[in-house]
């Protein structure tokens, strides 16, 4: 028995494959503001718009999907906004499952 027979290298990992599937969820993100009496703070609040139903098993597939989504999100008529710093669509990648229905960033002082 040669020394190569008992050492199996999974080439899928070398090509960017992962055993953990990655999923994309699309959110409508809005900039929230409050706490003016303390100097003001802001954060991004996100409500899920849609899940991309297909799980992706390579980083390259995730990148291709994100590259296709970005232009469509910028021109979506329901969420087109003259102030993208206040409201926009965002796509986020999650491992093992789709993202939560709602989530936000930690608030920070302006």
N, C-alpha and C. Protein backbone atom coordinates (compact mmCIF):
# COMPACT_ATOMS: atom_id res chain seq x y z
N UNK A 1 0.83 -1.16 0.00
CA UNK A 1 0.00 0.00 0.00
C UNK A 1 0.89 1.24 0.00
N UNK A 2 0.64 2.13 -0.95
CA UNK A 2 1.47 3.33 -1.02
C UNK A 2 0.99 4.35 0.00
N UNK A 3 1.84 5.33 0.27
CA UNK A 3 1.45 6.33 1.26
C UNK A 3 0.35 7.26 0.74
N UNK A 4 0.04 7.25 -0.55
CA UNK A 4 -1.03 8.08 -1.10
C UNK A 4 -2.41 7.48 -0.88
N UNK A 5 -2.51 6.19 -0.68
CA UNK A 5 -3.80 5.54 -0.54
C UNK A 5 -4.50 5.87 0.78
N UNK A 6 -3.76 6.18 1.81
CA UNK A 6 -4.41 6.47 3.08
C UNK A 6 -4.49 7.97 3.38
N UNK A 7 -4.10 8.80 2.44
CA UNK A 7 -4.20 10.24 2.61
C UNK A 7 -5.08 10.80 1.49
N UNK A 8 -6.31 11.07 1.82
CA UNK A 8 -7.27 11.57 0.86
C UNK A 8 -7.36 13.08 0.99
N UNK A 9 -7.13 13.79 -0.08
CA UNK A 9 -7.28 15.24 -0.10
C UNK A 9 -8.54 15.56 -0.89
N UNK A 10 -9.45 16.25 -0.26
CA UNK A 10 -10.70 16.63 -0.91
C UNK A 10 -10.42 17.86 -1.76
N UNK A 11 -10.33 17.69 -3.06
CA UNK A 11 -9.99 18.81 -3.95
C UNK A 11 -11.10 19.85 -4.03
N UNK A 12 -12.30 19.52 -3.56
CA UNK A 12 -13.37 20.53 -3.56
C UNK A 12 -12.98 21.72 -2.70
N UNK A 13 -12.27 21.49 -1.59
CA UNK A 13 -11.85 22.60 -0.73
C UNK A 13 -10.79 23.45 -1.43
N UNK A 14 -9.96 22.83 -2.23
CA UNK A 14 -8.94 23.59 -2.96
C UNK A 14 -9.56 24.48 -4.03
N UNK A 15 -10.76 24.14 -4.50
CA UNK A 15 -11.42 24.92 -5.55
C UNK A 15 -12.48 25.85 -4.97
N UNK A 16 -12.52 26.05 -3.67
CA UNK A 16 -13.45 26.98 -3.05
C UNK A 16 -14.78 26.39 -2.64
N UNK A 17 -14.93 25.08 -2.70
CA UNK A 17 -16.17 24.46 -2.26
C UNK A 17 -16.23 24.45 -0.75
N UNK A 18 -17.42 24.40 -0.24
CA UNK A 18 -17.62 24.34 1.20
C UNK A 18 -18.72 23.34 1.49
N UNK A 19 -18.62 22.64 2.60
CA UNK A 19 -19.70 21.73 2.98
C UNK A 19 -20.89 22.51 3.52
N UNK A 20 -20.65 23.76 3.92
CA UNK A 20 -21.73 24.61 4.41
C UNK A 20 -22.26 25.42 3.24
N UNK A 21 -23.53 25.20 2.91
CA UNK A 21 -24.14 25.93 1.81
C UNK A 21 -24.31 27.39 2.23
N UNK A 22 -24.24 28.27 1.23
CA UNK A 22 -24.43 29.70 1.47
C UNK A 22 -25.71 30.14 0.79
N UNK A 23 -26.43 31.02 1.46
CA UNK A 23 -27.72 31.48 0.97
C UNK A 23 -27.73 33.01 0.94
N UNK A 24 -28.45 33.56 -0.04
CA UNK A 24 -28.55 35.00 -0.18
C UNK A 24 -29.96 35.44 0.18
N UNK A 25 -30.04 36.46 1.01
CA UNK A 25 -31.32 37.08 1.36
C UNK A 25 -31.23 38.55 0.98
N UNK A 26 -32.33 39.08 0.45
CA UNK A 26 -32.38 40.47 0.02
C UNK A 26 -33.23 41.25 1.02
N UNK A 27 -32.71 42.40 1.44
CA UNK A 27 -33.35 43.23 2.45
C UNK A 27 -33.59 44.65 1.94
N UNK A 28 -34.68 45.25 2.43
CA UNK A 28 -34.88 46.68 2.27
C UNK A 28 -34.28 47.31 3.52
N UNK A 29 -33.23 48.08 3.35
CA UNK A 29 -32.52 48.70 4.47
C UNK A 29 -32.90 50.17 4.56
N UNK A 30 -33.21 50.60 5.76
CA UNK A 30 -33.52 52.01 6.00
C UNK A 30 -32.64 52.54 7.11
N UNK A 31 -32.22 53.76 6.94
CA UNK A 31 -31.37 54.43 7.92
C UNK A 31 -32.27 55.01 9.01
N UNK A 32 -32.08 54.59 10.24
CA UNK A 32 -32.87 55.07 11.36
C UNK A 32 -32.01 56.02 12.20
N UNK A 33 -32.66 56.99 12.80
CA UNK A 33 -31.95 57.99 13.57
C UNK A 33 -32.74 58.31 14.84
N UNK A 34 -32.07 58.59 15.90
CA UNK A 34 -32.74 58.95 17.14
C UNK A 34 -31.75 59.49 18.15
N UNK A 35 -32.23 59.69 19.37
CA UNK A 35 -31.37 60.12 20.46
C UNK A 35 -30.79 61.51 20.32
N UNK A 36 -31.55 62.42 19.70
CA UNK A 36 -31.04 63.78 19.51
C UNK A 36 -30.66 64.45 20.82
N UNK A 37 -31.38 64.10 21.89
CA UNK A 37 -31.07 64.71 23.19
C UNK A 37 -29.70 64.28 23.71
N UNK A 38 -29.15 63.20 23.15
CA UNK A 38 -27.82 62.71 23.56
C UNK A 38 -26.78 62.94 22.48
N UNK A 39 -27.11 63.73 21.48
CA UNK A 39 -26.15 64.00 20.41
C UNK A 39 -26.46 63.26 19.13
N UNK A 40 -27.41 62.32 19.17
CA UNK A 40 -27.86 61.63 17.96
C UNK A 40 -27.11 60.33 17.70
N UNK A 41 -27.86 59.31 17.27
CA UNK A 41 -27.28 58.03 16.88
C UNK A 41 -28.03 57.50 15.67
N UNK A 42 -27.38 56.60 14.94
CA UNK A 42 -27.95 56.05 13.71
C UNK A 42 -27.68 54.56 13.63
N UNK A 43 -28.50 53.87 12.84
CA UNK A 43 -28.27 52.46 12.54
C UNK A 43 -29.07 52.09 11.30
N UNK A 44 -28.73 50.97 10.69
CA UNK A 44 -29.46 50.43 9.54
C UNK A 44 -30.42 49.35 10.03
N UNK A 45 -31.70 49.51 9.74
CA UNK A 45 -32.71 48.49 10.04
C UNK A 45 -33.05 47.79 8.73
N UNK A 46 -33.19 46.47 8.76
CA UNK A 46 -33.43 45.71 7.53
C UNK A 46 -34.63 44.79 7.70
N UNK A 47 -35.51 44.83 6.71
CA UNK A 47 -36.64 43.91 6.63
C UNK A 47 -36.48 43.07 5.37
N UNK A 48 -36.64 41.76 5.52
CA UNK A 48 -36.41 40.87 4.38
C UNK A 48 -37.46 41.08 3.30
N UNK A 49 -36.98 41.16 2.06
CA UNK A 49 -37.84 41.28 0.89
C UNK A 49 -38.00 39.92 0.23
N UNK A 50 -36.88 39.20 0.10
CA UNK A 50 -36.91 37.93 -0.62
C UNK A 50 -35.67 37.11 -0.32
N UNK A 51 -35.83 35.79 -0.33
CA UNK A 51 -34.70 34.86 -0.27
C UNK A 51 -34.43 34.35 -1.67
N UNK A 52 -33.16 34.21 -2.00
CA UNK A 52 -32.79 33.51 -3.23
C UNK A 52 -32.85 32.03 -2.86
N UNK A 53 -33.69 31.28 -3.54
CA UNK A 53 -34.04 29.92 -3.11
C UNK A 53 -32.92 28.90 -3.23
N UNK A 54 -31.93 29.17 -4.06
CA UNK A 54 -30.89 28.18 -4.33
C UNK A 54 -29.73 28.36 -3.36
N UNK A 55 -29.29 27.26 -2.75
CA UNK A 55 -28.09 27.27 -1.94
C UNK A 55 -26.86 27.22 -2.83
N UNK A 56 -25.81 27.91 -2.45
CA UNK A 56 -24.59 27.99 -3.26
C UNK A 56 -23.46 27.32 -2.51
N UNK A 57 -22.68 26.50 -3.24
CA UNK A 57 -21.65 25.72 -2.56
C UNK A 57 -20.22 26.17 -2.85
N UNK A 58 -20.03 27.24 -3.62
CA UNK A 58 -18.68 27.75 -3.84
C UNK A 58 -18.69 29.26 -3.71
N UNK A 59 -17.54 29.81 -3.36
CA UNK A 59 -17.41 31.26 -3.28
C UNK A 59 -17.61 31.90 -4.65
N UNK A 60 -17.16 31.22 -5.69
CA UNK A 60 -17.32 31.75 -7.05
C UNK A 60 -18.80 31.85 -7.43
N UNK A 61 -19.61 30.88 -7.04
CA UNK A 61 -21.05 30.93 -7.34
C UNK A 61 -21.71 32.07 -6.56
N UNK A 62 -21.30 32.27 -5.32
CA UNK A 62 -21.83 33.37 -4.53
C UNK A 62 -21.49 34.69 -5.20
N UNK A 63 -20.23 34.83 -5.63
CA UNK A 63 -19.80 36.07 -6.27
C UNK A 63 -20.56 36.33 -7.57
N UNK A 64 -20.76 35.30 -8.38
CA UNK A 64 -21.52 35.47 -9.63
C UNK A 64 -22.96 35.88 -9.34
N UNK A 65 -23.58 35.27 -8.35
CA UNK A 65 -24.96 35.62 -7.99
C UNK A 65 -25.03 37.07 -7.50
N UNK A 66 -24.10 37.47 -6.68
CA UNK A 66 -24.09 38.85 -6.17
C UNK A 66 -23.86 39.84 -7.31
N UNK A 67 -23.00 39.50 -8.25
CA UNK A 67 -22.74 40.39 -9.40
C UNK A 67 -24.00 40.56 -10.25
N UNK A 68 -24.82 39.51 -10.36
CA UNK A 68 -26.07 39.62 -11.11
C UNK A 68 -27.14 40.40 -10.33
N UNK A 69 -27.14 40.28 -9.02
CA UNK A 69 -28.15 40.95 -8.20
C UNK A 69 -27.94 42.45 -8.08
N UNK A 70 -26.71 42.90 -7.97
CA UNK A 70 -26.45 44.32 -7.69
C UNK A 70 -27.11 45.28 -8.68
N UNK A 71 -26.96 45.08 -9.99
CA UNK A 71 -27.62 46.02 -10.92
C UNK A 71 -29.14 45.99 -10.80
N UNK A 72 -29.72 44.81 -10.60
CA UNK A 72 -31.18 44.70 -10.49
C UNK A 72 -31.68 45.42 -9.24
N UNK A 73 -30.93 45.35 -8.16
CA UNK A 73 -31.35 46.00 -6.92
C UNK A 73 -31.30 47.52 -7.06
N UNK A 74 -30.35 48.03 -7.80
CA UNK A 74 -30.24 49.48 -7.97
C UNK A 74 -31.39 50.07 -8.76
N UNK A 75 -31.97 49.29 -9.68
CA UNK A 75 -33.04 49.84 -10.52
C UNK A 75 -34.42 49.34 -10.14
N UNK A 76 -34.57 48.63 -9.06
CA UNK A 76 -35.87 48.11 -8.66
C UNK A 76 -36.80 49.28 -8.38
N UNK A 77 -37.93 49.40 -9.12
CA UNK A 77 -38.78 50.59 -8.99
C UNK A 77 -39.41 50.78 -7.62
N UNK A 78 -39.71 49.70 -6.92
CA UNK A 78 -40.34 49.83 -5.61
C UNK A 78 -39.40 50.44 -4.58
N UNK A 79 -38.11 50.22 -4.75
CA UNK A 79 -37.16 50.67 -3.74
C UNK A 79 -36.18 51.71 -4.28
N UNK A 80 -36.39 52.17 -5.52
CA UNK A 80 -35.52 53.22 -6.06
C UNK A 80 -35.69 54.45 -5.17
N UNK A 81 -34.61 55.05 -4.84
CA UNK A 81 -34.66 56.16 -3.91
C UNK A 81 -33.63 57.20 -4.32
N UNK A 82 -34.01 58.45 -4.26
CA UNK A 82 -33.06 59.52 -4.58
C UNK A 82 -32.02 59.68 -3.47
N UNK A 83 -32.26 59.05 -2.35
CA UNK A 83 -31.35 59.14 -1.20
C UNK A 83 -30.88 57.75 -0.78
N UNK A 84 -29.96 57.13 -1.55
CA UNK A 84 -29.53 55.77 -1.19
C UNK A 84 -28.85 55.69 0.17
N UNK A 85 -28.46 56.84 0.73
CA UNK A 85 -27.88 56.83 2.07
C UNK A 85 -28.96 56.72 3.15
N UNK A 86 -30.27 56.76 2.75
CA UNK A 86 -31.37 56.62 3.70
C UNK A 86 -32.19 55.35 3.50
N UNK A 87 -32.25 54.84 2.27
CA UNK A 87 -33.08 53.67 1.96
C UNK A 87 -32.51 52.98 0.72
N UNK A 88 -32.36 51.65 0.80
CA UNK A 88 -31.78 50.92 -0.33
C UNK A 88 -32.05 49.42 -0.18
N UNK A 89 -31.86 48.69 -1.26
CA UNK A 89 -31.89 47.23 -1.21
C UNK A 89 -30.47 46.72 -0.99
N UNK A 90 -30.35 45.68 -0.19
CA UNK A 90 -29.06 45.06 0.08
C UNK A 90 -29.19 43.55 0.00
N UNK A 91 -28.18 42.89 -0.52
CA UNK A 91 -28.11 41.42 -0.54
C UNK A 91 -27.05 40.99 0.46
N UNK A 92 -27.39 40.03 1.32
CA UNK A 92 -26.47 39.53 2.33
C UNK A 92 -26.35 38.01 2.21
N UNK A 93 -25.16 37.51 2.45
CA UNK A 93 -24.86 36.08 2.36
C UNK A 93 -24.83 35.50 3.77
N UNK A 94 -25.52 34.37 3.94
CA UNK A 94 -25.57 33.67 5.23
C UNK A 94 -25.14 32.22 5.02
N UNK A 95 -24.48 31.65 6.01
CA UNK A 95 -24.03 30.27 5.92
C UNK A 95 -25.05 29.34 6.57
N UNK A 96 -25.39 28.26 5.86
CA UNK A 96 -26.23 27.20 6.41
C UNK A 96 -27.72 27.44 6.35
N UNK A 97 -28.16 28.68 6.19
CA UNK A 97 -29.59 28.99 6.12
C UNK A 97 -29.77 30.42 5.62
N UNK A 98 -31.00 30.75 5.28
CA UNK A 98 -31.30 32.12 4.89
C UNK A 98 -31.25 33.02 6.11
N UNK A 99 -31.18 34.31 5.86
CA UNK A 99 -31.09 35.28 6.94
C UNK A 99 -32.40 35.46 7.69
N UNK A 100 -32.35 36.15 8.83
CA UNK A 100 -33.55 36.40 9.63
C UNK A 100 -34.50 37.36 8.91
N UNK A 101 -35.75 37.40 9.35
CA UNK A 101 -36.74 38.30 8.74
C UNK A 101 -36.36 39.76 8.94
N UNK A 102 -35.87 40.09 10.12
CA UNK A 102 -35.48 41.47 10.43
C UNK A 102 -34.16 41.45 11.19
N UNK A 103 -33.32 42.41 10.91
CA UNK A 103 -32.14 42.62 11.75
C UNK A 103 -31.58 44.01 11.49
N UNK A 104 -30.77 44.47 12.42
CA UNK A 104 -30.20 45.81 12.28
C UNK A 104 -28.77 45.81 12.78
N UNK A 105 -28.07 46.85 12.40
CA UNK A 105 -26.71 47.05 12.89
C UNK A 105 -26.78 47.63 14.29
N UNK A 106 -25.68 47.54 15.00
CA UNK A 106 -25.60 48.20 16.29
C UNK A 106 -25.63 49.71 16.05
N UNK A 107 -26.34 50.44 16.87
CA UNK A 107 -26.40 51.89 16.69
C UNK A 107 -25.05 52.51 17.05
N UNK A 108 -24.79 53.65 16.48
CA UNK A 108 -23.57 54.40 16.77
C UNK A 108 -23.89 55.89 16.73
N UNK A 109 -23.09 56.65 17.47
CA UNK A 109 -23.32 58.09 17.53
C UNK A 109 -22.78 58.75 16.29
N UNK A 110 -23.56 59.71 15.77
CA UNK A 110 -23.15 60.46 14.57
C UNK A 110 -22.12 61.49 14.90
